[in-house]
Amino acid sequence: MNASGPGDGSTGRPPRAAALAPGAAFAGVRIERLLARGSSATLYVAVEPRSTQRVALKVLDACDADADADADAACDDAVMSSFAREAQALQRLRHPSIVEVLGGGIEGAHPYLVMALLPGTDLRRYAAPARRLPEPLVLKLGADVADALAHAHAMGFVHRDLKPANLVFDAATRRVWITDFGVARALDAARTRTGVLLGTPAFMAPEQLAGGAPSAAGDVYALGVTLFQLLAGTLPYAGETMGALLRAMAQGATRALAELRPDLPPALADLLARALSREASQRPTAAEFALHLRRLPGTVV
């Protein structure tokens, strides 16, 4: 994504900040190269000068890109302070399947996180039927992610936006990492003021779509959707448009994994059906989800 030009004037939305150039200094690191640019954040490979360690630097837009009000409505001191506290808290979240947060805070008007630089690519590329990973490996990755979620939930953290794009997989080592823990939480105050739906609708639990607070059970639901997509090459709900998709989710019209993949163990289809239950209380905990996934026949340990 290229840097935006001036705001168009008709929407009142602020322009995107220009990307940092290679060699630029930001928050104590030196920019090496642009890695990716999304709708509300930019990811760089950077170098910590004293140690020469290469890290990932995530810089979030100073103001919500969808804000219709002035900048102060989305970027006040309380929001910035919340993000700084969250960045500090994330440094306590240590697990082999959660990307390590090395630092973070506010630089100028921009919230940022410095994280370990991970090998591999996110799991979106394996969500299409032609690129499906072997089923035993999918179950292994799912169990590792569920273990990481259980660790985070025990420490009071909820991801809020778990999906293939936020899971990095290294094929060489068969490791997986959850990324973007806490980013949605830290920016809640700014985004809820503008009426933006937090999270990705296709992966959000029914209670969250209905306006309920994100929860550990919602993370389990999102992992269920993710594993369904990795195994079936499609989402558990059909819908040509976002409106049709949301209606199908509201009605509980879940596609049956057993019909899409009759070759898979019935116990796996039953487990994912539990994870995708409309009632949060009917879903397994993340720890239970990991345990059941590892007990399925053929799972790679």
Protein backbone atom coordinates (compact mmCIF):
# COMPACT_ATOMS: atom_id res chain seq x y z
CA MET A 1 0.00 0.00 0.00
CA ASN A 2 1.39 3.39 -0.95
CA ALA A 3 1.35 6.42 1.30
CA SER A 4 -1.79 8.47 0.92
CA GLY A 5 -1.74 11.94 -0.48
CA PRO A 6 -3.61 14.83 1.10
CA GLY A 7 -7.06 14.11 2.53
CA ASP A 8 -9.76 14.39 -0.07
CA GLY A 9 -11.65 17.11 1.79
CA SER A 10 -15.05 15.52 1.20
CA THR A 11 -14.71 12.95 4.00
CA GLY A 12 -12.88 14.96 6.64
CA ARG A 13 -10.60 11.98 7.25
CA PRO A 14 -6.94 12.58 8.05
CA PRO A 15 -4.35 11.47 5.48
CA ARG A 16 -2.14 8.45 6.11
CA ALA A 17 1.31 9.28 7.43
CA ALA A 18 4.19 8.84 5.00
CA ALA A 19 6.17 5.63 5.38
CA LEU A 20 9.47 5.90 7.23
CA ALA A 21 12.46 5.77 4.89
CA PRO A 22 15.29 3.23 5.26
CA GLY A 23 17.89 4.60 7.64
CA ALA A 24 15.40 6.77 9.54
CA ALA A 25 15.48 6.67 13.34
CA PHE A 26 12.26 5.93 15.24
CA ALA A 27 11.83 5.11 18.93
CA GLY A 28 15.46 4.08 19.36
CA VAL A 29 15.66 1.77 16.33
CA ARG A 30 16.82 2.33 12.75
CA ILE A 31 14.48 1.50 9.88
CA GLU A 32 15.88 -1.13 7.53
CA ARG A 33 12.92 -1.66 5.19
CA LEU A 34 9.15 -1.56 4.89
CA LEU A 35 7.64 -5.00 5.47
CA ALA A 36 3.90 -4.43 5.11
CA ARG A 37 1.31 -1.67 5.25
CA GLY A 38 -2.27 -2.20 6.40
CA SER A 39 -5.32 -0.05 6.85
CA SER A 40 -4.26 1.29 10.26
CA ALA A 41 -0.63 0.29 10.83
CA THR A 42 2.72 -0.09 9.09
CA LEU A 43 5.22 -2.86 9.77
CA TYR A 44 8.97 -2.43 9.30
CA VAL A 45 12.12 -4.45 9.70
CA ALA A 46 14.35 -2.35 11.94
CA VAL A 47 17.70 -2.65 13.71
CA GLU A 48 18.46 -1.97 17.36
CA PRO A 49 21.74 -0.02 17.01
CA ARG A 50 23.44 -1.12 20.23
CA SER A 51 22.85 -4.86 19.81
CA THR A 52 22.46 -4.84 15.97
CA GLN A 53 19.46 -7.11 16.56
CA ARG A 54 16.88 -7.03 13.76
CA VAL A 55 13.36 -6.50 15.06
CA ALA A 56 9.86 -5.89 13.77
CA LEU A 57 8.51 -2.38 14.35
CA LYS A 58 4.75 -1.87 14.13
CA VAL A 59 3.71 1.79 13.90
CA LEU A 60 0.01 2.55 14.20
CA ASP A 61 -1.65 5.55 12.65
CA ALA A 62 -1.87 8.48 15.02
CA CYS A 63 -5.62 8.75 14.45
CA ASP A 64 -8.27 6.26 13.51
CA ALA A 65 -8.48 6.18 9.70
CA ASP A 66 -12.26 6.03 9.91
CA ALA A 67 -12.69 8.93 12.29
CA ASP A 68 -15.02 11.62 11.02
CA ALA A 69 -14.32 13.94 13.93
CA ASP A 70 -11.20 15.98 14.51
CA ALA A 71 -7.95 14.27 15.46
CA ASP A 72 -8.34 14.99 19.15
CA ALA A 73 -11.48 12.83 19.32
CA ALA A 74 -9.50 9.70 18.42
CA CYS A 75 -6.06 10.54 19.81
CA ASP A 76 -6.42 12.13 23.22
CA ASP A 77 -4.01 11.68 26.11
CA ALA A 78 -6.12 8.96 27.75
CA VAL A 79 -5.95 6.78 24.63
CA MET A 80 -2.22 7.30 24.27
CA SER A 81 -1.64 6.49 27.94
CA SER A 82 -3.75 3.35 27.58
CA PHE A 83 -1.64 2.17 24.68
CA ALA A 84 1.60 2.86 26.55
CA ARG A 85 0.38 0.82 29.54
CA GLU A 86 -0.73 -2.01 27.26
CA ALA A 87 2.66 -2.09 25.52
CA GLN A 88 4.36 -2.45 28.90
CA ALA A 89 1.95 -5.20 29.97
CA LEU A 90 2.52 -7.15 26.75
CA GLN A 91 6.20 -7.51 27.60
CA ARG A 92 5.16 -9.85 30.43
CA LEU A 93 3.33 -12.14 28.01
CA ARG A 94 5.92 -14.84 27.29
CA HIS A 95 5.01 -18.06 25.47
CA PRO A 96 6.72 -20.04 22.68
CA SER A 97 3.72 -19.45 20.41
CA ILE A 98 3.22 -15.72 21.08
CA VAL A 99 5.47 -13.18 19.38
CA GLU A 100 7.70 -11.53 21.97
CA VAL A 101 7.04 -7.83 22.54
CA LEU A 102 10.35 -6.12 23.26
CA GLY A 103 9.07 -2.60 23.84
CA GLY A 104 6.52 -0.05 22.86
CA GLY A 105 4.89 3.25 23.64
CA ILE A 106 4.23 6.55 21.92
CA GLU A 107 6.65 8.33 19.58
CA GLY A 108 5.31 11.74 18.64
CA ALA A 109 1.64 11.02 17.99
CA HIS A 110 2.22 7.42 16.88
CA PRO A 111 1.67 4.34 19.07
CA TYR A 112 4.23 1.63 18.29
CA LEU A 113 5.36 -1.85 19.28
CA VAL A 114 8.83 -3.38 18.88
CA MET A 115 8.62 -7.16 18.50
CA ALA A 116 10.79 -10.14 17.72
CA LEU A 117 11.25 -10.58 13.97
CA LEU A 118 9.65 -13.87 12.96
CA PRO A 119 10.50 -16.19 10.08
CA GLY A 120 7.78 -17.55 7.83
CA THR A 121 4.50 -16.10 6.61
CA ASP A 122 1.00 -15.67 7.96
CA LEU A 123 -1.53 -18.46 7.54
CA ARG A 124 -3.73 -16.64 5.03
CA ARG A 125 -1.85 -18.29 2.18
CA TYR A 126 -2.91 -21.72 3.47
CA ALA A 127 -6.62 -20.90 3.78
CA ALA A 128 -7.41 -21.67 0.12
CA PRO A 129 -8.28 -25.26 -0.95
CA ALA A 130 -5.29 -25.50 -3.30
CA ARG A 131 -2.82 -24.59 -0.53
CA ARG A 132 -4.17 -26.57 2.41
CA LEU A 133 -1.64 -27.85 4.90
CA PRO A 134 -1.70 -31.55 5.91
CA GLU A 135 -4.45 -32.16 8.44
CA PRO A 136 -2.16 -33.50 11.19
CA LEU A 137 -0.06 -30.35 10.94
CA VAL A 138 -3.14 -28.11 11.10
CA LEU A 139 -4.21 -29.87 14.30
CA LYS A 140 -0.72 -29.47 15.77
CA LEU A 141 -0.69 -25.75 14.96
CA GLY A 142 -4.20 -25.38 16.37
CA ALA A 143 -3.15 -27.05 19.63
CA ASP A 144 -0.09 -24.78 19.91
CA VAL A 145 -2.25 -21.69 19.36
CA ALA A 146 -4.82 -22.94 21.89
CA ASP A 147 -2.03 -23.46 24.44
CA ALA A 148 -0.83 -19.90 23.84
CA LEU A 149 -4.37 -18.55 24.24
CA ALA A 150 -4.78 -20.46 27.51
CA HIS A 151 -1.56 -18.88 28.80
CA ALA A 152 -2.69 -15.40 27.77
CA HIS A 153 -6.20 -15.85 29.19
CA ALA A 154 -4.74 -16.94 32.52
CA MET A 155 -2.82 -13.65 32.60
CA GLY A 156 -5.91 -11.60 31.80
CA PHE A 157 -5.23 -11.00 28.10
CA VAL A 158 -7.80 -11.51 25.32
CA HIS A 159 -6.65 -11.33 21.72
CA ARG A 160 -9.94 -10.00 20.23
CA ASP A 161 -8.94 -10.44 16.58
CA LEU A 162 -7.55 -13.96 16.12
CA LYS A 163 -7.51 -15.03 12.44
CA PRO A 164 -5.07 -16.53 9.90
CA ALA A 165 -3.59 -13.07 9.18
CA ASN A 166 -2.50 -12.83 12.84
CA LEU A 167 -0.85 -16.26 12.92
CA VAL A 168 2.69 -16.57 11.55
CA PHE A 169 3.83 -20.04 10.45
CA ASP A 170 7.39 -21.17 9.77
CA ALA A 171 7.29 -24.27 7.56
CA ALA A 172 10.93 -25.14 8.27
CA THR A 173 10.38 -25.58 12.01
CA ARG A 174 6.58 -26.16 11.97
CA ARG A 175 6.23 -23.39 14.55
CA VAL A 176 3.37 -20.93 14.83
CA TRP A 177 3.14 -17.59 16.64
CA ILE A 178 0.18 -15.38 17.54
CA THR A 179 0.80 -11.74 16.65
CA ASP A 180 -1.02 -8.49 17.45
CA PHE A 181 -1.98 -9.40 21.00
CA GLY A 182 -3.27 -6.29 22.73
CA VAL A 183 -3.31 -3.98 19.69
CA ALA A 184 -7.11 -3.97 19.44
CA ARG A 185 -7.47 -3.63 23.21
CA ALA A 186 -5.13 -0.67 23.39
CA LEU A 187 -7.04 1.23 20.71
CA ASP A 188 -10.55 0.36 21.90
CA ALA A 189 -11.16 3.79 23.41
CA ALA A 190 -10.39 5.54 20.14
CA ARG A 191 -12.22 3.18 17.82
CA THR A 192 -15.40 2.71 19.79
CA ARG A 193 -15.93 6.47 19.72
CA THR A 194 -16.16 6.33 15.95
CA GLY A 195 -18.51 3.32 15.87
CA VAL A 196 -15.97 1.03 14.19
CA LEU A 197 -16.55 -2.69 14.73
CA LEU A 198 -13.52 -4.08 16.57
CA GLY A 199 -12.20 -7.32 15.11
CA THR A 200 -12.86 -9.13 11.84
CA PRO A 201 -16.57 -10.03 11.49
CA ALA A 202 -16.10 -13.47 9.88
CA PHE A 203 -14.05 -14.57 12.90
CA MET A 204 -16.07 -12.87 15.63
CA ALA A 205 -18.31 -14.79 18.04
CA PRO A 206 -22.06 -14.09 17.88
CA GLU A 207 -22.06 -12.34 21.25
CA GLN A 208 -19.27 -10.03 20.10
CA LEU A 209 -21.09 -9.22 16.87
CA ALA A 210 -24.11 -8.36 19.01
CA GLY A 211 -22.07 -5.78 20.90
CA GLY A 212 -20.84 -7.88 23.80
CA ALA A 213 -17.39 -7.52 25.26
CA PRO A 214 -14.57 -9.57 23.75
CA SER A 215 -13.78 -12.62 25.89
CA ALA A 216 -11.68 -15.75 26.16
CA ALA A 217 -14.63 -17.71 24.75
CA GLY A 218 -14.60 -15.37 21.75
CA ASP A 219 -10.95 -16.21 21.12
CA VAL A 220 -11.82 -19.91 21.16
CA TYR A 221 -14.58 -19.26 18.64
CA ALA A 222 -12.14 -17.39 16.39
CA LEU A 223 -9.68 -20.28 16.58
CA GLY A 224 -12.50 -22.64 15.62
CA VAL A 225 -13.27 -20.53 12.54
CA THR A 226 -9.56 -20.43 11.67
CA LEU A 227 -9.12 -24.20 11.89
CA PHE A 228 -12.32 -24.77 9.91
CA GLN A 229 -10.99 -22.53 7.14
CA LEU A 230 -7.56 -24.19 7.12
CA LEU A 231 -9.15 -27.65 6.92
CA ALA A 232 -12.02 -26.94 4.52
CA GLY A 233 -10.63 -24.07 2.46
CA THR A 234 -13.74 -22.03 3.21
CA LEU A 235 -15.42 -20.27 6.13
CA PRO A 236 -18.05 -22.10 8.19
CA TYR A 237 -20.67 -19.58 7.06
CA ALA A 238 -21.72 -18.94 3.47
CA GLY A 239 -22.34 -15.44 2.19
CA GLU A 240 -21.62 -13.61 -1.06
CA THR A 241 -21.69 -10.26 0.74
CA MET A 242 -20.85 -9.13 4.26
CA GLY A 243 -24.55 -8.67 4.95
CA ALA A 244 -25.34 -12.23 3.85
CA LEU A 245 -22.43 -13.53 5.90
CA LEU A 246 -23.61 -11.73 9.03
CA ARG A 247 -27.17 -13.01 8.53
CA ALA A 248 -25.91 -16.58 8.21
CA MET A 249 -23.87 -16.17 11.39
CA ALA A 250 -26.80 -14.65 13.27
CA GLN A 251 -29.00 -17.57 12.23
CA GLY A 252 -26.39 -20.14 13.18
CA ALA A 253 -26.34 -21.56 9.65
CA THR A 254 -22.98 -23.29 10.02
CA ARG A 255 -21.65 -25.43 7.21
CA ALA A 256 -20.95 -28.99 8.34
CA LEU A 257 -17.25 -29.87 8.26
CA ALA A 258 -18.25 -33.54 7.93
CA GLU A 259 -19.97 -32.76 4.60
CA LEU A 260 -17.12 -30.65 3.26
CA ARG A 261 -14.40 -33.03 4.47
CA PRO A 262 -15.94 -36.50 5.06
CA ASP A 263 -12.40 -37.92 5.22
CA LEU A 264 -11.70 -36.20 8.54
CA PRO A 265 -12.35 -37.91 11.90
CA PRO A 266 -15.90 -37.34 13.20
CA ALA A 267 -14.40 -36.37 16.56
CA LEU A 268 -12.69 -33.40 14.88
CA ALA A 269 -15.94 -32.20 13.31
CA ASP A 270 -17.65 -32.51 16.69
CA LEU A 271 -14.88 -30.56 18.43
CA LEU A 272 -15.02 -27.69 15.93
CA ALA A 273 -18.82 -27.65 16.20
CA ARG A 274 -18.41 -27.13 19.95
CA ALA A 275 -15.89 -24.35 19.42
CA LEU A 276 -18.34 -22.67 17.03
CA SER A 277 -21.29 -22.96 19.40
CA ARG A 278 -23.55 -19.90 19.49
CA GLU A 279 -23.54 -20.16 23.29
CA ALA A 280 -20.20 -19.13 24.78
CA SER A 281 -20.72 -21.46 27.75
CA GLN A 282 -20.88 -24.47 25.41
CA ARG A 283 -17.41 -23.87 23.96
CA PRO A 284 -14.32 -25.54 25.39
CA THR A 285 -11.77 -23.40 27.15
CA ALA A 286 -8.56 -22.79 25.25
CA ALA A 287 -6.77 -25.34 27.47
CA GLU A 288 -9.48 -27.94 26.81
CA PHE A 289 -9.36 -27.17 23.08
CA ALA A 290 -5.60 -27.85 23.01
CA LEU A 291 -6.00 -31.09 24.96
CA HIS A 292 -8.75 -32.42 22.68
CA LEU A 293 -6.85 -31.46 19.52
CA ARG A 294 -3.79 -33.38 20.68
CA ARG A 295 -5.88 -36.45 21.50
CA LEU A 296 -7.25 -36.69 17.96
CA PRO A 297 -5.76 -39.50 15.89
CA GLY A 298 -2.98 -38.45 13.54
CA THR A 299 -2.13 -35.14 15.24
CA VAL A 300 1.55 -34.21 14.89
CA VAL A 301 3.04 -33.85 18.36
